[in-house]
Amino acid sequence: MSSRKAAWLVGSGGALLTSVYAFQLPFREYPAIEYNSFPVPPDSQEKTEWVFARLMYPPAPTARFDWSRRVGGWVHGMSSWTQDYPRADRHFLQAVRRLTRIHVRSVEQPVNLDDDDDVYNWPWLYAVRPGELQLTDAEADKLRDYLLRGGFFMADDFWGTFEYGVFMESMRKVFPERPVVDLENREPIFHTIYDLDDRYQVPGAWGIGSRRPYQNDGSVPYWRGIYDDRGRLMVAIVMNSDLGDSWEFADDPYYPEKYSALGIRIGVNYIVYAMTH
């Protein structure tokens, strides 16, 4: 894709967004299972056209990364939804600023589906470790309505048959009749900015140098999704890869550049797709 066409796509996508600053909850930060003193950029309060929204969610009983009792529950942090947070988000946002013309806020926005209608202010939503989430019926209803109204949901970093099954228990509440399909190389989401026909498994930092760079039985990466009635991809599922770690450790010389390069390109493509479809 030419740089001129890419710039037009991003620019036109930005033009489609409506300003809702007055109704958005302000930037907020929570204690996380990995980081609790990551520096906040000085321009964190800047009003921008696009914000990285991270889904806050109640953990399933099988969640391995739930220490939320220490802070009074998952709505206060220290739960599965805080994996890689906020380092991955802020590294990725730096990359988006450098690689596109999208006016991007330098900090993420944690979004709770139970906060009235706040989710509708954030047209792009990301969840980490979704193999550990357990949406309530009300949260599933809210997510369904959000997606059918034009929202986009990216699920990343879950591994193997069991975690996929946990994730699908919630997604069947969201879309009981819509199939999850494998995304073929020709899908537009793989060609908005970068041509990504040659995708490969992106291991977490924990898998670098290991003979088993995956978890559970998740040895094969999958790129899946759910479409609306018009053929728009609403849910993008990254299974058996850890793009969050590829963003989180993009500045770490120990973590191979090829994984961060692919992870960032996938994220950029998904953002531009969501803004232009």
C-alpha atoms as a PDB file:
ATOM      1  CA  MET A   1       0.000   0.000   0.000  1.00  0.00           C
ATOM      2  CA  SER A   2       1.353   3.446  -0.873  1.00  0.00           C
ATOM      3  CA  SER A   3       2.096   5.924   1.890  1.00  0.00           C
ATOM      4  CA  ARG A   4      -0.330   8.385   0.247  1.00  0.00           C
ATOM      5  CA  LYS A   5      -3.194   5.889   0.412  1.00  0.00           C
ATOM      6  CA  ALA A   6      -2.330   4.948   3.977  1.00  0.00           C
ATOM      7  CA  ALA A   7      -2.314   8.577   5.029  1.00  0.00           C
ATOM      8  CA  TRP A   8      -5.712   9.115   3.351  1.00  0.00           C
ATOM      9  CA  LEU A   9      -7.199   6.117   5.121  1.00  0.00           C
ATOM     10  CA  VAL A  10      -6.035   7.287   8.521  1.00  0.00           C
ATOM     11  CA  GLY A  11      -7.084  10.833   7.877  1.00  0.00           C
ATOM     12  CA  SER A  12     -10.537   9.885   6.628  1.00  0.00           C
ATOM     13  CA  GLY A  13     -11.014   7.523   9.553  1.00  0.00           C
ATOM     14  CA  GLY A  14     -10.212  10.305  11.974  1.00  0.00           C
ATOM     15  CA  ALA A  15     -12.747  12.539  10.276  1.00  0.00           C
ATOM     16  CA  LEU A  16     -15.485  10.022  11.005  1.00  0.00           C
ATOM     17  CA  LEU A  17     -15.063  10.302  14.752  1.00  0.00           C
ATOM     18  CA  THR A  18     -17.388  12.574  16.697  1.00  0.00           C
ATOM     19  CA  SER A  19     -16.094  14.585  19.616  1.00  0.00           C
ATOM     20  CA  VAL A  20     -17.498  13.261  22.887  1.00  0.00           C
ATOM     21  CA  TYR A  21     -14.904  14.698  25.241  1.00  0.00           C
ATOM     22  CA  ALA A  22     -17.535  16.166  27.540  1.00  0.00           C
ATOM     23  CA  PHE A  23     -19.028  12.738  28.230  1.00  0.00           C
ATOM     24  CA  GLN A  24     -15.914  10.596  28.600  1.00  0.00           C
ATOM     25  CA  LEU A  25     -14.654   9.583  31.997  1.00  0.00           C
ATOM     26  CA  PRO A  26     -11.257  11.182  32.685  1.00  0.00           C
ATOM     27  CA  PHE A  27      -7.977   9.296  32.475  1.00  0.00           C
ATOM     28  CA  ARG A  28      -7.563   6.962  35.426  1.00  0.00           C
ATOM     29  CA  GLU A  29      -4.898   4.512  36.506  1.00  0.00           C
ATOM     30  CA  TYR A  30      -5.100   1.356  38.617  1.00  0.00           C
ATOM     31  CA  PRO A  31      -2.638  -0.877  40.462  1.00  0.00           C
ATOM     32  CA  ALA A  32      -1.493  -3.700  38.204  1.00  0.00           C
ATOM     33  CA  ILE A  33      -0.103  -7.178  38.638  1.00  0.00           C
ATOM     34  CA  GLU A  34       3.194  -6.198  36.980  1.00  0.00           C
ATOM     35  CA  TYR A  35       3.612  -2.415  37.272  1.00  0.00           C
ATOM     36  CA  ASN A  36       2.608   0.116  39.857  1.00  0.00           C
ATOM     37  CA  SER A  37       4.999   2.997  39.241  1.00  0.00           C
ATOM     38  CA  PHE A  38       5.208   3.394  35.466  1.00  0.00           C
ATOM     39  CA  PRO A  39       5.701   7.077  34.538  1.00  0.00           C
ATOM     40  CA  VAL A  40       2.708   8.976  33.185  1.00  0.00           C
ATOM     41  CA  PRO A  41       3.647  11.039  30.094  1.00  0.00           C
ATOM     42  CA  PRO A  42       3.406  14.816  30.593  1.00  0.00           C
ATOM     43  CA  ASP A  43       0.807  15.145  27.807  1.00  0.00           C
ATOM     44  CA  SER A  44      -1.523  12.501  29.227  1.00  0.00           C
ATOM     45  CA  GLN A  45      -4.449  14.943  29.445  1.00  0.00           C
ATOM     46  CA  GLU A  46      -4.254  15.996  25.798  1.00  0.00           C
ATOM     47  CA  LYS A  47      -7.527  15.795  23.860  1.00  0.00           C
ATOM     48  CA  THR A  48      -6.983  13.530  20.856  1.00  0.00           C
ATOM     49  CA  GLU A  49      -8.934  11.794  18.089  1.00  0.00           C
ATOM     50  CA  TRP A  50      -8.130   8.250  19.228  1.00  0.00           C
ATOM     51  CA  VAL A  51      -7.564   6.529  22.568  1.00  0.00           C
ATOM     52  CA  PHE A  52      -6.433   3.008  23.414  1.00  0.00           C
ATOM     53  CA  ALA A  53      -9.240   1.617  25.581  1.00  0.00           C
ATOM     54  CA  ARG A  54      -8.427  -1.421  27.732  1.00  0.00           C
ATOM     55  CA  LEU A  55     -11.326  -3.567  28.877  1.00  0.00           C
ATOM     56  CA  MET A  56     -11.721  -4.081  32.606  1.00  0.00           C
ATOM     57  CA  TYR A  57     -13.477  -7.375  33.272  1.00  0.00           C
ATOM     58  CA  PRO A  58     -14.390  -9.756  36.099  1.00  0.00           C
ATOM     59  CA  PRO A  59     -12.025 -12.745  36.225  1.00  0.00           C
ATOM     60  CA  ALA A  60     -13.176 -16.329  35.841  1.00  0.00           C
ATOM     61  CA  PRO A  61     -12.658 -18.664  38.817  1.00  0.00           C
ATOM     62  CA  THR A  62      -9.824 -20.316  36.872  1.00  0.00           C
ATOM     63  CA  ALA A  63      -7.856 -17.075  36.420  1.00  0.00           C
ATOM     64  CA  ARG A  64      -4.189 -17.395  37.322  1.00  0.00           C
ATOM     65  CA  PHE A  65      -3.565 -13.668  37.591  1.00  0.00           C
ATOM     66  CA  ASP A  66      -6.140 -12.366  40.032  1.00  0.00           C
ATOM     67  CA  TRP A  67      -4.890 -10.615  43.130  1.00  0.00           C
ATOM     68  CA  SER A  68      -7.749  -8.136  43.190  1.00  0.00           C
ATOM     69  CA  ARG A  69      -8.836  -9.015  46.732  1.00  0.00           C
ATOM     70  CA  ARG A  70      -5.874  -6.969  47.923  1.00  0.00           C
ATOM     71  CA  VAL A  71      -7.466  -3.791  46.570  1.00  0.00           C
ATOM     72  CA  GLY A  72     -11.154  -4.555  47.034  1.00  0.00           C
ATOM     73  CA  GLY A  73     -12.066  -6.301  43.801  1.00  0.00           C
ATOM     74  CA  TRP A  74     -11.259  -6.371  40.066  1.00  0.00           C
ATOM     75  CA  VAL A  75     -12.806  -2.939  39.505  1.00  0.00           C
ATOM     76  CA  HIS A  76      -9.837  -1.525  41.448  1.00  0.00           C
ATOM     77  CA  GLY A  77      -7.082  -3.346  39.537  1.00  0.00           C
ATOM     78  CA  MET A  78      -4.656  -6.148  40.401  1.00  0.00           C
ATOM     79  CA  SER A  79      -6.638  -8.548  38.230  1.00  0.00           C
ATOM     80  CA  SER A  80      -6.181 -10.397  34.936  1.00  0.00           C
ATOM     81  CA  TRP A  81      -7.158  -7.359  32.879  1.00  0.00           C
ATOM     82  CA  THR A  82      -4.053  -5.520  34.137  1.00  0.00           C
ATOM     83  CA  GLN A  83      -1.578  -7.975  32.567  1.00  0.00           C
ATOM     84  CA  ASP A  84       1.189  -5.962  30.795  1.00  0.00           C
ATOM     85  CA  TYR A  85      -0.554  -2.735  31.872  1.00  0.00           C
ATOM     86  CA  PRO A  86       0.309   0.092  31.510  1.00  0.00           C
ATOM     87  CA  ARG A  87       3.724  -0.459  29.937  1.00  0.00           C
ATOM     88  CA  ALA A  88       2.460  -2.355  26.873  1.00  0.00           C
ATOM     89  CA  ASP A  89      -0.236   0.216  26.153  1.00  0.00           C
ATOM     90  CA  ARG A  90       2.090   3.216  26.356  1.00  0.00           C
ATOM     91  CA  HIS A  91       4.853   1.623  24.300  1.00  0.00           C
ATOM     92  CA  PHE A  92       2.335   0.712  21.628  1.00  0.00           C
ATOM     93  CA  LEU A  93       0.886   4.217  21.622  1.00  0.00           C
ATOM     94  CA  GLN A  94       4.346   5.663  21.022  1.00  0.00           C
ATOM     95  CA  ALA A  95       4.649   3.388  18.003  1.00  0.00           C
ATOM     96  CA  VAL A  96       1.234   4.399  16.649  1.00  0.00           C
ATOM     97  CA  ARG A  97       2.249   8.041  16.916  1.00  0.00           C
ATOM     98  CA  ARG A  98       5.428   7.413  14.965  1.00  0.00           C
ATOM     99  CA  LEU A  99       3.978   5.148  12.292  1.00  0.00           C
ATOM    100  CA  THR A 100       0.688   6.903  11.485  1.00  0.00           C
ATOM    101  CA  ARG A 101      -0.831  10.355  11.357  1.00  0.00           C
ATOM    102  CA  ILE A 102      -3.510   9.431  13.867  1.00  0.00           C
ATOM    103  CA  HIS A 103      -3.703  11.926  16.711  1.00  0.00           C
ATOM    104  CA  VAL A 104      -3.233   9.440  19.563  1.00  0.00           C
ATOM    105  CA  ARG A 105      -3.366  10.029  23.297  1.00  0.00           C
ATOM    106  CA  SER A 106      -0.189   8.959  25.062  1.00  0.00           C
ATOM    107  CA  VAL A 107      -1.993   6.989  27.770  1.00  0.00           C
ATOM    108  CA  GLU A 108      -4.585   4.240  27.763  1.00  0.00           C
ATOM    109  CA  GLN A 109      -8.119   4.332  29.151  1.00  0.00           C
ATOM    110  CA  PRO A 110      -9.370   1.473  31.351  1.00  0.00           C
ATOM    111  CA  VAL A 111     -13.045   0.927  30.488  1.00  0.00           C
ATOM    112  CA  ASN A 112     -15.579  -0.877  32.663  1.00  0.00           C
ATOM    113  CA  LEU A 113     -18.745  -2.097  30.933  1.00  0.00           C
ATOM    114  CA  ASP A 114     -20.628  -1.484  34.178  1.00  0.00           C
ATOM    115  CA  ASP A 115     -19.889   2.271  34.105  1.00  0.00           C
ATOM    116  CA  ASP A 116     -23.224   3.342  32.631  1.00  0.00           C
ATOM    117  CA  ASP A 117     -22.699   4.158  28.924  1.00  0.00           C
ATOM    118  CA  ASP A 118     -19.010   5.067  29.085  1.00  0.00           C
ATOM    119  CA  VAL A 119     -17.906   2.280  26.725  1.00  0.00           C
ATOM    120  CA  TYR A 120     -19.713   4.008  23.829  1.00  0.00           C
ATOM    121  CA  ASN A 121     -17.205   6.851  24.051  1.00  0.00           C
ATOM    122  CA  TRP A 122     -14.324   4.562  23.104  1.00  0.00           C
ATOM    123  CA  PRO A 123     -14.737   2.977  19.641  1.00  0.00           C
ATOM    124  CA  TRP A 124     -11.772   0.585  19.995  1.00  0.00           C
ATOM    125  CA  LEU A 125     -11.508  -1.852  22.906  1.00  0.00           C
ATOM    126  CA  TYR A 126      -8.650  -4.220  23.809  1.00  0.00           C
ATOM    127  CA  ALA A 127      -8.655  -7.148  26.250  1.00  0.00           C
ATOM    128  CA  VAL A 128      -5.628  -9.066  27.470  1.00  0.00           C
ATOM    129  CA  ARG A 129      -5.824 -12.616  28.871  1.00  0.00           C
ATOM    130  CA  PRO A 130      -9.452 -13.037  27.723  1.00  0.00           C
ATOM    131  CA  GLY A 131      -9.167 -16.729  28.527  1.00  0.00           C
ATOM    132  CA  GLU A 132      -9.592 -15.567  32.121  1.00  0.00           C
ATOM    133  CA  LEU A 133     -12.638 -13.332  31.733  1.00  0.00           C
ATOM    134  CA  GLN A 134     -16.185 -14.086  32.812  1.00  0.00           C
ATOM    135  CA  LEU A 135     -18.679 -11.490  31.648  1.00  0.00           C
ATOM    136  CA  THR A 136     -21.976 -11.124  33.438  1.00  0.00           C
ATOM    137  CA  ASP A 137     -25.171 -11.222  31.396  1.00  0.00           C
ATOM    138  CA  ALA A 138     -25.480  -7.448  31.672  1.00  0.00           C
ATOM    139  CA  GLU A 139     -21.896  -6.897  30.556  1.00  0.00           C
ATOM    140  CA  ALA A 140     -22.365  -9.251  27.613  1.00  0.00           C
ATOM    141  CA  ASP A 141     -25.495  -7.355  26.576  1.00  0.00           C
ATOM    142  CA  LYS A 142     -23.622  -4.060  26.781  1.00  0.00           C
ATOM    143  CA  LEU A 143     -20.696  -5.391  24.742  1.00  0.00           C
ATOM    144  CA  ARG A 144     -23.067  -6.757  22.075  1.00  0.00           C
ATOM    145  CA  ASP A 145     -24.816  -3.404  21.733  1.00  0.00           C
ATOM    146  CA  TYR A 146     -21.480  -1.569  21.635  1.00  0.00           C
ATOM    147  CA  LEU A 147     -20.190  -3.779  18.821  1.00  0.00           C
ATOM    148  CA  LEU A 148     -23.381  -3.648  16.763  1.00  0.00           C
ATOM    149  CA  ARG A 149     -23.323   0.136  17.017  1.00  0.00           C
ATOM    150  CA  GLY A 150     -19.882   0.182  15.366  1.00  0.00           C
ATOM    151  CA  GLY A 151     -17.413  -0.623  18.135  1.00  0.00           C
ATOM    152  CA  PHE A 152     -14.373  -2.852  17.661  1.00  0.00           C
ATOM    153  CA  PHE A 153     -13.013  -5.403  20.132  1.00  0.00           C
ATOM    154  CA  MET A 154      -9.545  -6.983  20.037  1.00  0.00           C
ATOM    155  CA  ALA A 155      -8.849 -10.037  22.241  1.00  0.00           C
ATOM    156  CA  ASP A 156      -5.193 -10.978  22.740  1.00  0.00           C
ATOM    157  CA  ASP A 157      -2.907 -13.308  24.711  1.00  0.00           C
ATOM    158  CA  PHE A 158      -4.727 -16.495  25.554  1.00  0.00           C
ATOM    159  CA  TRP A 159      -3.493 -19.995  24.955  1.00  0.00           C
ATOM    160  CA  GLY A 160      -4.853 -23.399  24.164  1.00  0.00           C
ATOM    161  CA  THR A 161      -8.139 -25.226  24.166  1.00  0.00           C
ATOM    162  CA  PHE A 162      -9.132 -24.584  27.782  1.00  0.00           C
ATOM    163  CA  GLU A 163      -8.596 -20.811  27.777  1.00  0.00           C
ATOM    164  CA  TYR A 164     -10.322 -20.522  24.417  1.00  0.00           C
ATOM    165  CA  GLY A 165     -13.280 -22.370  25.913  1.00  0.00           C
ATOM    166  CA  VAL A 166     -13.481 -19.933  28.839  1.00  0.00           C
ATOM    167  CA  PHE A 167     -13.355 -16.996  26.434  1.00  0.00           C
ATOM    168  CA  MET A 168     -16.076 -18.502  24.257  1.00  0.00           C
ATOM    169  CA  GLU A 169     -18.414 -18.959  27.223  1.00  0.00           C
ATOM    170  CA  SER A 170     -18.555 -15.172  27.464  1.00  0.00           C
ATOM    171  CA  MET A 171     -18.590 -14.570  23.715  1.00  0.00           C
ATOM    172  CA  ARG A 172     -21.562 -16.918  23.314  1.00  0.00           C
ATOM    173  CA  LYS A 173     -23.390 -14.655  25.729  1.00  0.00           C
ATOM    174  CA  VAL A 174     -22.447 -11.703  23.533  1.00  0.00           C
ATOM    175  CA  PHE A 175     -23.239 -13.352  20.178  1.00  0.00           C
ATOM    176  CA  PRO A 176     -24.960 -16.709  20.683  1.00  0.00           C
ATOM    177  CA  GLU A 177     -25.696 -17.142  16.968  1.00  0.00           C
ATOM    178  CA  ARG A 178     -22.745 -15.485  15.225  1.00  0.00           C
ATOM    179  CA  PRO A 179     -19.903 -17.817  14.226  1.00  0.00           C
ATOM    180  CA  VAL A 180     -16.252 -17.295  15.000  1.00  0.00           C
ATOM    181  CA  VAL A 181     -14.319 -17.734  11.751  1.00  0.00           C
ATOM    182  CA  ASP A 182     -10.665 -18.007  10.805  1.00  0.00           C
ATOM    183  CA  LEU A 183      -9.447 -14.869   9.041  1.00  0.00           C
ATOM    184  CA  GLU A 184      -7.900 -15.510   5.645  1.00  0.00           C
ATOM    185  CA  ASN A 185      -4.915 -13.578   4.331  1.00  0.00           C
ATOM    186  CA  ARG A 186      -7.069 -11.649   1.868  1.00  0.00           C
ATOM    187  CA  GLU A 187      -9.098 -10.025   4.659  1.00  0.00           C
ATOM    188  CA  PRO A 188      -8.819  -6.207   4.553  1.00  0.00           C
ATOM    189  CA  ILE A 189      -7.692  -6.023   8.185  1.00  0.00           C
ATOM    190  CA  PHE A 190      -4.365  -7.551   7.135  1.00  0.00           C
ATOM    191  CA  HIS A 191      -3.807  -4.925   4.432  1.00  0.00           C
ATOM    192  CA  THR A 192      -4.913  -1.524   5.753  1.00  0.00           C
ATOM    193  CA  ILE A 193      -1.378  -0.168   6.250  1.00  0.00           C
ATOM    194  CA  TYR A 194       0.914  -3.196   6.216  1.00  0.00           C
ATOM    195  CA  ASP A 195       0.523  -6.332   4.129  1.00  0.00           C
ATOM    196  CA  LEU A 196       0.563  -9.080   6.747  1.00  0.00           C
ATOM    197  CA  ASP A 197       0.239 -12.320   4.811  1.00  0.00           C
ATOM    198  CA  ASP A 198       3.313 -13.737   6.547  1.00  0.00           C
ATOM    199  CA  ARG A 199       2.196 -13.896  10.172  1.00  0.00           C
ATOM    200  CA  TYR A 200       3.739 -16.135  12.804  1.00  0.00           C
ATOM    201  CA  GLN A 201       3.369 -16.934  16.464  1.00  0.00           C
ATOM    202  CA  VAL A 202       4.416 -14.103  18.774  1.00  0.00           C
ATOM    203  CA  PRO A 203       5.602 -15.554  22.092  1.00  0.00           C
ATOM    204  CA  GLY A 204       5.590 -13.728  25.372  1.00  0.00           C
ATOM    205  CA  ALA A 205       8.843 -12.677  26.994  1.00  0.00           C
ATOM    206  CA  TRP A 206       8.524 -15.775  29.174  1.00  0.00           C
ATOM    207  CA  GLY A 207       8.918 -17.960  26.057  1.00  0.00           C
ATOM    208  CA  ILE A 208      12.044 -16.420  24.589  1.00  0.00           C
ATOM    209  CA  GLY A 209      14.864 -18.948  24.562  1.00  0.00           C
ATOM    210  CA  SER A 210      12.509 -21.731  25.591  1.00  0.00           C
ATOM    211  CA  ARG A 211      11.959 -24.963  23.711  1.00  0.00           C
ATOM    212  CA  ARG A 212       8.246 -24.460  24.330  1.00  0.00           C
ATOM    213  CA  PRO A 213       7.436 -20.840  23.421  1.00  0.00           C
ATOM    214  CA  TYR A 214       3.724 -21.253  24.067  1.00  0.00           C
ATOM    215  CA  GLN A 215       1.367 -22.112  26.928  1.00  0.00           C
ATOM    216  CA  ASN A 216      -1.009 -25.028  27.428  1.00  0.00           C
ATOM    217  CA  ASP A 217      -1.626 -26.743  24.080  1.00  0.00           C
ATOM    218  CA  GLY A 218      -1.473 -23.482  22.125  1.00  0.00           C
ATOM    219  CA  SER A 219       1.321 -24.361  19.719  1.00  0.00           C
ATOM    220  CA  VAL A 220      -0.467 -23.043  16.597  1.00  0.00           C
ATOM    221  CA  PRO A 221      -1.397 -19.335  16.290  1.00  0.00           C
ATOM    222  CA  TYR A 222      -4.893 -18.460  15.100  1.00  0.00           C
ATOM    223  CA  TRP A 223      -6.329 -15.204  13.749  1.00  0.00           C
ATOM    224  CA  ARG A 224     -10.082 -15.294  14.114  1.00  0.00           C
ATOM    225  CA  GLY A 225     -13.023 -12.949  14.157  1.00  0.00           C
ATOM    226  CA  ILE A 226     -16.736 -12.234  14.314  1.00  0.00           C
ATOM    227  CA  TYR A 227     -18.506 -10.180  11.617  1.00  0.00           C
ATOM    228  CA  ASP A 228     -21.644  -8.084  11.636  1.00  0.00           C
ATOM    229  CA  ASP A 229     -24.390  -8.382   9.043  1.00  0.00           C
ATOM    230  CA  ARG A 230     -22.639  -5.951   6.695  1.00  0.00           C
ATOM    231  CA  GLY A 231     -19.382  -7.895   6.658  1.00  0.00           C
ATOM    232  CA  ARG A 232     -17.551  -5.589   9.079  1.00  0.00           C
ATOM    233  CA  LEU A 233     -15.193  -7.333  11.449  1.00  0.00           C
ATOM    234  CA  MET A 234     -16.341  -6.481  14.980  1.00  0.00           C
ATOM    235  CA  VAL A 235     -14.225  -8.859  17.064  1.00  0.00           C
ATOM    236  CA  ALA A 236     -10.594  -9.662  16.226  1.00  0.00           C
ATOM    237  CA  ILE A 237      -9.213 -12.655  18.138  1.00  0.00           C
ATOM    238  CA  VAL A 238      -5.469 -13.217  18.474  1.00  0.00           C
ATOM    239  CA  MET A 239      -5.144 -16.718  19.905  1.00  0.00           C
ATOM    240  CA  ASN A 240      -1.901 -18.489  20.873  1.00  0.00           C
ATOM    241  CA  SER A 241       0.183 -15.335  20.564  1.00  0.00           C
ATOM    242  CA  ASP A 242       1.072 -12.538  22.967  1.00  0.00           C
ATOM    243  CA  LEU A 243       1.000  -9.198  21.179  1.00  0.00           C
ATOM    244  CA  GLY A 244       0.815  -7.442  24.527  1.00  0.00           C
ATOM    245  CA  ASP A 245       4.296  -8.663  25.404  1.00  0.00           C
ATOM    246  CA  SER A 246       5.573  -7.671  21.962  1.00  0.00           C
ATOM    247  CA  TRP A 247       4.507  -4.109  22.802  1.00  0.00           C
ATOM    248  CA  GLU A 248       5.547  -4.252  26.439  1.00  0.00           C
ATOM    249  CA  PHE A 249       9.114  -5.378  25.666  1.00  0.00           C
ATOM    250  CA  ALA A 250       9.632  -3.469  22.427  1.00  0.00           C
ATOM    251  CA  ASP A 251      12.431  -1.516  24.119  1.00  0.00           C
ATOM    252  CA  ASP A 252      14.090  -4.577  25.681  1.00  0.00           C
ATOM    253  CA  PRO A 253      17.156  -5.833  23.749  1.00  0.00           C
ATOM    254  CA  TYR A 254      16.523  -9.337  25.092  1.00  0.00           C
ATOM    255  CA  TYR A 255      13.160  -9.520  23.338  1.00  0.00           C
ATOM    256  CA  PRO A 256      13.604 -10.222  19.587  1.00  0.00           C
ATOM    257  CA  GLU A 257      12.760  -7.312  17.311  1.00  0.00           C
ATOM    258  CA  LYS A 258      10.920  -9.497  14.807  1.00  0.00           C
ATOM    259  CA  TYR A 259       8.168 -10.211  17.314  1.00  0.00           C
ATOM    260  CA  SER A 260       7.689  -6.577  18.309  1.00  0.00           C
ATOM    261  CA  ALA A 261       7.760  -5.575  14.637  1.00  0.00           C
ATOM    262  CA  LEU A 262       4.923  -7.956  13.801  1.00  0.00           C
ATOM    263  CA  GLY A 263       2.940  -7.236  16.961  1.00  0.00           C
ATOM    264  CA  ILE A 264       3.028  -3.482  16.398  1.00  0.00           C
ATOM    265  CA  ARG A 265       2.111  -3.812  12.728  1.00  0.00           C
ATOM    266  CA  ILE A 266      -0.858  -6.011  13.569  1.00  0.00           C
ATOM    267  CA  GLY A 267      -2.051  -3.514  16.164  1.00  0.00           C
ATOM    268  CA  VAL A 268      -1.686  -0.595  13.743  1.00  0.00           C
ATOM    269  CA  ASN A 269      -3.624  -2.449  11.053  1.00  0.00           C
ATOM    270  CA  TYR A 270      -6.408  -3.286  13.487  1.00  0.00           C
ATOM    271  CA  ILE A 271      -6.728   0.340  14.586  1.00  0.00           C
ATOM    272  CA  VAL A 272      -6.884   1.677  11.040  1.00  0.00           C
ATOM    273  CA  TYR A 273      -9.355  -1.007  10.031  1.00  0.00           C
ATOM    274  CA  ALA A 274     -11.599  -0.094  12.958  1.00  0.00           C
ATOM    275  CA  MET A 275     -11.418   3.608  12.056  1.00  0.00           C
ATOM    276  CA  THR A 276     -12.230   3.079   8.386  1.00  0.00           C
ATOM    277  CA  HIS A 277     -14.838   0.293   8.390  1.00  0.00           C
END
